Amino acid sequence: MSVKYLNRRGGTYYLHEGKTKKGNPKYYFSKKKDGALVSSIPDGYEIYENPNAQVFLRRIPPKIITGEELSIVENCVKKYSELKDFKIDVKKDNIVIFIPDKDPDDLKEILSDFAGYVDPDTDSKLSRFLEMTQTYSPMMRFVLIDKKTREFNVERFCFLGSIDDWIFLDWSADLANLVKKYCKHLGKESFYELHGF
């Protein structure tokens, strides 16, 4: 039995093995059912699905961010922001919040205006379609700057053509207050007015 993975968009991916130029094994996921399929995940590896539903096999990274810290960010975003949809990803010492590139409610409204009245069945199909095609962009991140005190920086992504990078906003050892203070701006115009010291 080969390793297969169903991503959040409903796509089935199969784990394949290839060789590097030096002859070492390399692993990748593909929708193809044939080829050099792998029957089990190699030791030291894990399946990783990024916020845009791309599937990879990667070496298990060292755990720098705790499960509690991840839960704090997720719960605070749910509680204090107006976002209905978001994804959180951990990269090394970063907790990154991704938000949808397209507002699902705006798209539903446009499509229902275009097509006329939308009944519950159509609305359900439209929701599933949007879920399958939605892409996400990183907008805010919390960067662990001190492993002992568990102090974090908060940064937002800046979209000025001359910058297009993360800009520092604030720092604290109280992650919950930091998330509460800044996540309420996600998905709002006030997000673009946030600047550091």
Foldseek 3Di string as FASTA:
>chain_A
DFDWDQWPLRQIWFKAWDADPVGHIDIFIDSDPDDRTHRDQDPQWDWDADQQRHIGIGGDDDDLDDPVLLVLLVVLLVVQAPAPDWDWDDDPQKIWIKHWPDDLVVVVVVVCVVVPHADPVNVVVSVSVCSNPIDIDTFKMWGQDDSVLRKTWIWGAADDPVGRGTATADMDSPSNVVSNVQSRCPPHPCSNVGHHD
